[in-house]
Amino acid sequence: MRPLPRITQIPLEGGSGVVPTGALQFKNDWPGLFIRGDKAVELLIRFRTMVEQLKDSTDPKIAAGLVTLQELADIIDRDVIVRK
């Protein structure tokens, strides 16, 4: 089985500001969240800061949340490219 691409290309014309950060839905599918690249980089910084500040917590709920934040930060760091 071929792995799914990490970046889904959507054939929409336009550039900066055409598709804002917010909910995005494909036909009858569940709505998802689209985050523009500039906002994603801001989130990356905030997620990494939160992970660093909370990494020593012994609360299992915080630990689970940190795993999610780390996964999202890794996706942004690996796949989001901010273009000028």
PDB file of N, CA and C in Angstrom:
ATOM      1  N   MET A   1       0.846  -1.184   0.000  1.00  0.00           N
ATOM      2  CA  MET A   1       0.000   0.000   0.000  1.00  0.00           C
ATOM      3  C   MET A   1       0.893   1.250   0.000  1.00  0.00           C
ATOM      4  N   ARG A   2       0.589   2.169  -0.867  1.00  0.00           N
ATOM      5  CA  ARG A   2       1.348   3.406  -0.999  1.00  0.00           C
ATOM      6  C   ARG A   2       0.983   4.377   0.126  1.00  0.00           C
ATOM      7  N   PRO A   3       1.973   4.981   0.791  1.00  0.00           N
ATOM      8  CA  PRO A   3       1.644   5.921   1.873  1.00  0.00           C
ATOM      9  C   PRO A   3       0.964   7.173   1.333  1.00  0.00           C
ATOM     10  N   LEU A   4       0.108   7.741   2.151  1.00  0.00           N
ATOM     11  CA  LEU A   4      -0.567   8.983   1.778  1.00  0.00           C
ATOM     12  C   LEU A   4       0.431  10.132   1.784  1.00  0.00           C
ATOM     13  N   PRO A   5       0.245  11.103   0.892  1.00  0.00           N
ATOM     14  CA  PRO A   5       1.149  12.253   0.894  1.00  0.00           C
ATOM     15  C   PRO A   5       0.968  13.061   2.177  1.00  0.00           C
ATOM     16  N   ARG A   6       2.031  13.699   2.625  1.00  0.00           N
ATOM     17  CA  ARG A   6       1.948  14.506   3.837  1.00  0.00           C
ATOM     18  C   ARG A   6       1.277  15.840   3.568  1.00  0.00           C
ATOM     19  N   ILE A   7       1.340  16.307   2.326  1.00  0.00           N
ATOM     20  CA  ILE A   7       0.730  17.592   1.979  1.00  0.00           C
ATOM     21  C   ILE A   7      -0.328  17.338   0.912  1.00  0.00           C
ATOM     22  N   THR A   8      -1.562  17.674   1.229  1.00  0.00           N
ATOM     23  CA  THR A   8      -2.653  17.515   0.279  1.00  0.00           C
ATOM     24  C   THR A   8      -2.776  18.795  -0.535  1.00  0.00           C
ATOM     25  N   GLN A   9      -2.657  18.672  -1.836  1.00  0.00           N
ATOM     26  CA  GLN A   9      -2.787  19.827  -2.718  1.00  0.00           C
ATOM     27  C   GLN A   9      -4.263  20.025  -3.067  1.00  0.00           C
ATOM     28  N   ILE A  10      -4.743  21.230  -2.907  1.00  0.00           N
ATOM     29  CA  ILE A  10      -6.133  21.549  -3.214  1.00  0.00           C
ATOM     30  C   ILE A  10      -6.116  22.554  -4.360  1.00  0.00           C
ATOM     31  N   PRO A  11      -6.793  22.236  -5.437  1.00  0.00           N
ATOM     32  CA  PRO A  11      -6.722  23.121  -6.610  1.00  0.00           C
ATOM     33  C   PRO A  11      -7.572  24.382  -6.474  1.00  0.00           C
ATOM     34  N   LEU A  12      -7.126  25.290  -5.625  1.00  0.00           N
ATOM     35  CA  LEU A  12      -7.798  26.571  -5.483  1.00  0.00           C
ATOM     36  C   LEU A  12      -6.869  27.666  -5.994  1.00  0.00           C
ATOM     37  N   GLU A  13      -7.424  28.546  -6.789  1.00  0.00           N
ATOM     38  CA  GLU A  13      -6.645  29.677  -7.280  1.00  0.00           C
ATOM     39  C   GLU A  13      -6.493  30.685  -6.151  1.00  0.00           C
ATOM     40  N   GLY A  14      -5.431  31.433  -6.209  1.00  0.00           N
ATOM     41  CA  GLY A  14      -5.285  32.508  -5.249  1.00  0.00           C
ATOM     42  C   GLY A  14      -4.003  32.407  -4.478  1.00  0.00           C
ATOM     43  N   GLY A  15      -3.892  33.277  -3.542  1.00  0.00           N
ATOM     44  CA  GLY A  15      -2.700  33.313  -2.717  1.00  0.00           C
ATOM     45  C   GLY A  15      -3.055  33.820  -1.347  1.00  0.00           C
ATOM     46  N   SER A  16      -2.192  34.626  -0.827  1.00  0.00           N
ATOM     47  CA  SER A  16      -2.330  35.113   0.532  1.00  0.00           C
ATOM     48  C   SER A  16      -3.716  35.696   0.801  1.00  0.00           C
ATOM     49  N   GLY A  17      -4.351  35.164   1.800  1.00  0.00           N
ATOM     50  CA  GLY A  17      -5.632  35.690   2.230  1.00  0.00           C
ATOM     51  C   GLY A  17      -6.852  35.099   1.561  1.00  0.00           C
ATOM     52  N   VAL A  18      -6.682  34.310   0.502  1.00  0.00           N
ATOM     53  CA  VAL A  18      -7.849  33.766  -0.184  1.00  0.00           C
ATOM     54  C   VAL A  18      -8.563  32.738   0.688  1.00  0.00           C
ATOM     55  N   VAL A  19      -7.800  31.862   1.310  1.00  0.00           N
ATOM     56  CA  VAL A  19      -8.378  30.887   2.232  1.00  0.00           C
ATOM     57  C   VAL A  19      -7.836  31.225   3.612  1.00  0.00           C
ATOM     58  N   PRO A  20      -8.687  31.796   4.476  1.00  0.00           N
ATOM     59  CA  PRO A  20      -8.206  32.199   5.793  1.00  0.00           C
ATOM     60  C   PRO A  20      -8.094  31.001   6.743  1.00  0.00           C
ATOM     61  N   THR A  21      -7.363  31.194   7.820  1.00  0.00           N
ATOM     62  CA  THR A  21      -7.339  30.199   8.885  1.00  0.00           C
ATOM     63  C   THR A  21      -8.770  30.022   9.373  1.00  0.00           C
ATOM     64  N   GLY A  22      -9.196  28.783   9.492  1.00  0.00           N
ATOM     65  CA  GLY A  22     -10.546  28.513   9.979  1.00  0.00           C
ATOM     66  C   GLY A  22     -11.033  27.149   9.542  1.00  0.00           C
ATOM     67  N   ALA A  23     -12.313  26.932   9.727  1.00  0.00           N
ATOM     68  CA  ALA A  23     -12.919  25.648   9.384  1.00  0.00           C
ATOM     69  C   ALA A  23     -12.929  25.466   7.868  1.00  0.00           C
ATOM     70  N   LEU A  24     -12.707  24.228   7.447  1.00  0.00           N
ATOM     71  CA  LEU A  24     -12.696  23.885   6.031  1.00  0.00           C
ATOM     72  C   LEU A  24     -13.398  22.539   5.890  1.00  0.00           C
ATOM     73  N   GLN A  25     -14.340  22.447   4.970  1.00  0.00           N
ATOM     74  CA  GLN A  25     -15.107  21.217   4.803  1.00  0.00           C
ATOM     75  C   GLN A  25     -15.107  20.787   3.344  1.00  0.00           C
ATOM     76  N   PHE A  26     -14.923  19.488   3.126  1.00  0.00           N
ATOM     77  CA  PHE A  26     -14.972  18.903   1.797  1.00  0.00           C
ATOM     78  C   PHE A  26     -16.304  18.173   1.641  1.00  0.00           C
ATOM     79  N   LYS A  27     -17.185  18.745   0.834  1.00  0.00           N
ATOM     80  CA  LYS A  27     -18.512  18.191   0.575  1.00  0.00           C
ATOM     81  C   LYS A  27     -19.187  17.751   1.863  1.00  0.00           C
ATOM     82  N   ASN A  28     -19.488  16.435   2.027  1.00  0.00           N
ATOM     83  CA  ASN A  28     -20.233  15.954   3.186  1.00  0.00           C
ATOM     84  C   ASN A  28     -19.344  15.425   4.302  1.00  0.00           C
ATOM     85  N   ASP A  29     -18.037  15.645   4.189  1.00  0.00           N
ATOM     86  CA  ASP A  29     -17.107  15.182   5.212  1.00  0.00           C
ATOM     87  C   ASP A  29     -17.199  16.083   6.444  1.00  0.00           C
ATOM     88  N   TRP A  30     -16.620  15.632   7.538  1.00  0.00           N
ATOM     89  CA  TRP A  30     -16.559  16.448   8.738  1.00  0.00           C
ATOM     90  C   TRP A  30     -15.725  17.701   8.449  1.00  0.00           C
ATOM     91  N   PRO A  31     -16.106  18.834   9.019  1.00  0.00           N
ATOM     92  CA  PRO A  31     -15.252  20.002   8.886  1.00  0.00           C
ATOM     93  C   PRO A  31     -13.922  19.753   9.599  1.00  0.00           C
ATOM     94  N   GLY A  32     -12.867  20.291   9.037  1.00  0.00           N
ATOM     95  CA  GLY A  32     -11.553  20.226   9.659  1.00  0.00           C
ATOM     96  C   GLY A  32     -11.050  21.631   9.891  1.00  0.00           C
ATOM     97  N   LEU A  33      -9.810  21.727  10.289  1.00  0.00           N
ATOM     98  CA  LEU A  33      -9.230  23.032  10.577  1.00  0.00           C
ATOM     99  C   LEU A  33      -8.090  23.303   9.616  1.00  0.00           C
ATOM    100  N   PHE A  34      -8.171  24.425   8.917  1.00  0.00           N
ATOM    101  CA  PHE A  34      -7.088  24.863   8.050  1.00  0.00           C
ATOM    102  C   PHE A  34      -6.355  25.982   8.769  1.00  0.00           C
ATOM    103  N   ILE A  35      -5.036  25.875   8.828  1.00  0.00           N
ATOM    104  CA  ILE A  35      -4.222  26.899   9.468  1.00  0.00           C
ATOM    105  C   ILE A  35      -3.235  27.421   8.435  1.00  0.00           C
ATOM    106  N   ARG A  36      -3.316  28.702   8.135  1.00  0.00           N
ATOM    107  CA  ARG A  36      -2.403  29.308   7.164  1.00  0.00           C
ATOM    108  C   ARG A  36      -0.967  29.179   7.654  1.00  0.00           C
ATOM    109  N   GLY A  37      -0.025  29.172   6.738  1.00  0.00           N
ATOM    110  CA  GLY A  37       1.375  28.965   7.073  1.00  0.00           C
ATOM    111  C   GLY A  37       1.921  29.924   8.103  1.00  0.00           C
ATOM    112  N   ASP A  38       1.573  31.218   7.979  1.00  0.00           N
ATOM    113  CA  ASP A  38       2.097  32.188   8.943  1.00  0.00           C
ATOM    114  C   ASP A  38       1.577  31.916  10.344  1.00  0.00           C
ATOM    115  N   LYS A  39       0.313  31.530  10.453  1.00  0.00           N
ATOM    116  CA  LYS A  39      -0.264  31.168  11.754  1.00  0.00           C
ATOM    117  C   LYS A  39       0.329  29.853  12.257  1.00  0.00           C
ATOM    118  N   ALA A  40       0.613  28.936  11.337  1.00  0.00           N
ATOM    119  CA  ALA A  40       1.185  27.643  11.724  1.00  0.00           C
ATOM    120  C   ALA A  40       2.564  27.828  12.345  1.00  0.00           C
ATOM    121  N   VAL A  41       3.364  28.719  11.792  1.00  0.00           N
ATOM    122  CA  VAL A  41       4.690  28.963  12.355  1.00  0.00           C
ATOM    123  C   VAL A  41       4.571  29.562  13.750  1.00  0.00           C
ATOM    124  N   GLU A  42       3.617  30.452  13.938  1.00  0.00           N
ATOM    125  CA  GLU A  42       3.363  31.015  15.267  1.00  0.00           C
ATOM    126  C   GLU A  42       2.965  29.906  16.237  1.00  0.00           C
ATOM    127  N   LEU A  43       2.080  29.003  15.792  1.00  0.00           N
ATOM    128  CA  LEU A  43       1.680  27.877  16.639  1.00  0.00           C
ATOM    129  C   LEU A  43       2.853  26.965  16.953  1.00  0.00           C
ATOM    130  N   LEU A  44       3.719  26.730  15.985  1.00  0.00           N
ATOM    131  CA  LEU A  44       4.902  25.907  16.209  1.00  0.00           C
ATOM    132  C   LEU A  44       5.712  26.441  17.382  1.00  0.00           C
ATOM    133  N   ILE A  45       5.946  27.723  17.390  1.00  0.00           N
ATOM    134  CA  ILE A  45       6.721  28.345  18.468  1.00  0.00           C
ATOM    135  C   ILE A  45       6.000  28.186  19.802  1.00  0.00           C
ATOM    136  N   ARG A  46       4.702  28.433  19.803  1.00  0.00           N
ATOM    137  CA  ARG A  46       3.926  28.314  21.046  1.00  0.00           C
ATOM    138  C   ARG A  46       3.864  26.864  21.528  1.00  0.00           C
ATOM    139  N   PHE A  47       3.650  25.923  20.610  1.00  0.00           N
ATOM    140  CA  PHE A  47       3.595  24.507  20.989  1.00  0.00           C
ATOM    141  C   PHE A  47       4.920  24.058  21.590  1.00  0.00           C
ATOM    142  N   ARG A  48       6.029  24.399  20.940  1.00  0.00           N
ATOM    143  CA  ARG A  48       7.352  23.997  21.449  1.00  0.00           C
ATOM    144  C   ARG A  48       7.601  24.608  22.840  1.00  0.00           C
ATOM    145  N   THR A  49       7.188  25.860  23.038  1.00  0.00           N
ATOM    146  CA  THR A  49       7.349  26.501  24.345  1.00  0.00           C
ATOM    147  C   THR A  49       6.530  25.780  25.407  1.00  0.00           C
ATOM    148  N   MET A  50       5.287  25.443  25.089  1.00  0.00           N
ATOM    149  CA  MET A  50       4.428  24.746  26.048  1.00  0.00           C
ATOM    150  C   MET A  50       4.984  23.372  26.391  1.00  0.00           C
ATOM    151  N   VAL A  51       5.444  22.653  25.390  1.00  0.00           N
ATOM    152  CA  VAL A  51       6.016  21.327  25.626  1.00  0.00           C
ATOM    153  C   VAL A  51       7.215  21.449  26.561  1.00  0.00           C
ATOM    154  N   GLU A  52       8.078  22.411  26.300  1.00  0.00           N
ATOM    155  CA  GLU A  52       9.276  22.603  27.133  1.00  0.00           C
ATOM    156  C   GLU A  52       8.900  22.957  28.577  1.00  0.00           C
ATOM    157  N   GLN A  53       7.912  23.837  28.742  1.00  0.00           N
ATOM    158  CA  GLN A  53       7.535  24.292  30.078  1.00  0.00           C
ATOM    159  C   GLN A  53       6.800  23.223  30.881  1.00  0.00           C
ATOM    160  N   LEU A  54       6.103  22.318  30.205  1.00  0.00           N
ATOM    161  CA  LEU A  54       5.282  21.323  30.906  1.00  0.00           C
ATOM    162  C   LEU A  54       5.855  19.912  30.862  1.00  0.00           C
ATOM    163  N   LYS A  55       7.042  19.736  30.297  1.00  0.00           N
ATOM    164  CA  LYS A  55       7.582  18.390  30.067  1.00  0.00           C
ATOM    165  C   LYS A  55       7.808  17.584  31.349  1.00  0.00           C
ATOM    166  N   ASP A  56       7.976  18.243  32.486  1.00  0.00           N
ATOM    167  CA  ASP A  56       8.235  17.528  33.739  1.00  0.00           C
ATOM    168  C   ASP A  56       6.968  17.241  34.541  1.00  0.00           C
ATOM    169  N   SER A  57       5.814  17.565  33.997  1.00  0.00           N
ATOM    170  CA  SER A  57       4.559  17.324  34.704  1.00  0.00           C
ATOM    171  C   SER A  57       4.318  15.821  34.863  1.00  0.00           C
ATOM    172  N   THR A  58       3.754  15.442  36.001  1.00  0.00           N
ATOM    173  CA  THR A  58       3.418  14.032  36.241  1.00  0.00           C
ATOM    174  C   THR A  58       1.936  13.754  36.003  1.00  0.00           C
ATOM    175  N   ASP A  59       1.191  14.777  35.610  1.00  0.00           N
ATOM    176  CA  ASP A  59      -0.237  14.617  35.322  1.00  0.00           C
ATOM    177  C   ASP A  59      -0.402  13.899  33.986  1.00  0.00           C
ATOM    178  N   PRO A  60      -1.075  12.728  33.965  1.00  0.00           N
ATOM    179  CA  PRO A  60      -1.215  11.976  32.710  1.00  0.00           C
ATOM    180  C   PRO A  60      -2.000  12.722  31.628  1.00  0.00           C
ATOM    181  N   LYS A  61      -2.926  13.576  32.019  1.00  0.00           N
ATOM    182  CA  LYS A  61      -3.677  14.345  31.028  1.00  0.00           C
ATOM    183  C   LYS A  61      -2.772  15.373  30.346  1.00  0.00           C
ATOM    184  N   ILE A  62      -1.906  15.986  31.120  1.00  0.00           N
ATOM    185  CA  ILE A  62      -0.958  16.940  30.530  1.00  0.00           C
ATOM    186  C   ILE A  62       0.018  16.201  29.628  1.00  0.00           C
ATOM    187  N   ALA A  63       0.492  15.045  30.077  1.00  0.00           N
ATOM    188  CA  ALA A  63       1.425  14.258  29.263  1.00  0.00           C
ATOM    189  C   ALA A  63       0.795  13.887  27.919  1.00  0.00           C
ATOM    190  N   ALA A  64      -0.475  13.482  27.933  1.00  0.00           N
ATOM    191  CA  ALA A  64      -1.165  13.127  26.684  1.00  0.00           C
ATOM    192  C   ALA A  64      -1.316  14.349  25.784  1.00  0.00           C
ATOM    193  N   GLY A  65      -1.635  15.492  26.369  1.00  0.00           N
ATOM    194  CA  GLY A  65      -1.755  16.725  25.594  1.00  0.00           C
ATOM    195  C   GLY A  65      -0.424  17.137  24.985  1.00  0.00           C
ATOM    196  N   LEU A  66       0.658  16.904  25.717  1.00  0.00           N
ATOM    197  CA  LEU A  66       1.979  17.259  25.203  1.00  0.00           C
ATOM    198  C   LEU A  66       2.362  16.394  24.007  1.00  0.00           C
ATOM    199  N   VAL A  67       1.941  15.134  24.025  1.00  0.00           N
ATOM    200  CA  VAL A  67       2.205  14.267  22.867  1.00  0.00           C
ATOM    201  C   VAL A  67       1.508  14.837  21.635  1.00  0.00           C
ATOM    202  N   THR A  68       0.268  15.252  21.801  1.00  0.00           N
ATOM    203  CA  THR A  68      -0.479  15.840  20.683  1.00  0.00           C
ATOM    204  C   THR A  68       0.181  17.131  20.205  1.00  0.00           C
ATOM    205  N   LEU A  69       0.557  18.000  21.131  1.00  0.00           N
ATOM    206  CA  LEU A  69       1.225  19.250  20.757  1.00  0.00           C
ATOM    207  C   LEU A  69       2.533  18.973  20.033  1.00  0.00           C
ATOM    208  N   GLN A  70       3.283  17.976  20.507  1.00  0.00           N
ATOM    209  CA  GLN A  70       4.554  17.636  19.876  1.00  0.00           C
ATOM    210  C   GLN A  70       4.325  17.113  18.458  1.00  0.00           C
ATOM    211  N   GLU A  71       3.297  16.269  18.285  1.00  0.00           N
ATOM    212  CA  GLU A  71       2.986  15.739  16.951  1.00  0.00           C
ATOM    213  C   GLU A  71       2.620  16.872  15.989  1.00  0.00           C
ATOM    214  N   LEU A  72       1.786  17.795  16.443  1.00  0.00           N
ATOM    215  CA  LEU A  72       1.391  18.923  15.594  1.00  0.00           C
ATOM    216  C   LEU A  72       2.589  19.817  15.285  1.00  0.00           C
ATOM    217  N   ALA A  73       3.433  20.067  16.280  1.00  0.00           N
ATOM    218  CA  ALA A  73       4.630  20.869  16.059  1.00  0.00           C
ATOM    219  C   ALA A  73       5.545  20.197  15.043  1.00  0.00           C
ATOM    220  N   ASP A  74       5.669  18.873  15.126  1.00  0.00           N
ATOM    221  CA  ASP A  74       6.525  18.141  14.184  1.00  0.00           C
ATOM    222  C   ASP A  74       5.993  18.243  12.754  1.00  0.00           C
ATOM    223  N   ILE A  75       4.665  18.173  12.595  1.00  0.00           N
ATOM    224  CA  ILE A  75       4.062  18.309  11.262  1.00  0.00           C
ATOM    225  C   ILE A  75       4.355  19.695  10.696  1.00  0.00           C
ATOM    226  N   ILE A  76       4.156  20.715  11.517  1.00  0.00           N
ATOM    227  CA  ILE A  76       4.411  22.089  11.062  1.00  0.00           C
ATOM    228  C   ILE A  76       5.886  22.243  10.697  1.00  0.00           C
ATOM    229  N   ASP A  77       6.756  21.763  11.572  1.00  0.00           N
ATOM    230  CA  ASP A  77       8.196  21.914  11.358  1.00  0.00           C
ATOM    231  C   ASP A  77       8.651  21.180  10.101  1.00  0.00           C
ATOM    232  N   ARG A  78       8.079  20.036   9.832  1.00  0.00           N
ATOM    233  CA  ARG A  78       8.501  19.201   8.701  1.00  0.00           C
ATOM    234  C   ARG A  78       7.859  19.624   7.378  1.00  0.00           C
ATOM    235  N   ASP A  79       6.583  20.005   7.410  1.00  0.00           N
ATOM    236  CA  ASP A  79       5.823  20.132   6.168  1.00  0.00           C
ATOM    237  C   ASP A  79       5.356  21.528   5.789  1.00  0.00           C
ATOM    238  N   VAL A  80       5.383  22.470   6.700  1.00  0.00           N
ATOM    239  CA  VAL A  80       4.877  23.812   6.390  1.00  0.00           C
ATOM    240  C   VAL A  80       6.052  24.691   5.995  1.00  0.00           C
ATOM    241  N   ILE A  81       5.967  25.254   4.813  1.00  0.00           N
ATOM    242  CA  ILE A  81       7.006  26.140   4.310  1.00  0.00           C
ATOM    243  C   ILE A  81       6.376  27.515   4.103  1.00  0.00           C
ATOM    244  N   VAL A  82       6.880  28.506   4.796  1.00  0.00           N
ATOM    245  CA  VAL A  82       6.373  29.860   4.600  1.00  0.00           C
ATOM    246  C   VAL A  82       7.115  30.480   3.443  1.00  0.00           C
ATOM    247  N   ARG A  83       6.364  30.911   2.446  1.00  0.00           N
ATOM    248  CA  ARG A  83       6.954  31.515   1.253  1.00  0.00           C
ATOM    249  C   ARG A  83       6.716  33.009   1.273  1.00  0.00           C
ATOM    250  N   LYS A  84       7.674  33.748   0.766  1.00  0.00           N
ATOM    251  CA  LYS A  84       7.537  35.213   0.721  1.00  0.00           C
ATOM    252  C   LYS A  84       6.662  35.619  -0.430  1.00  0.00           C
TER     253      LYS A  84
END
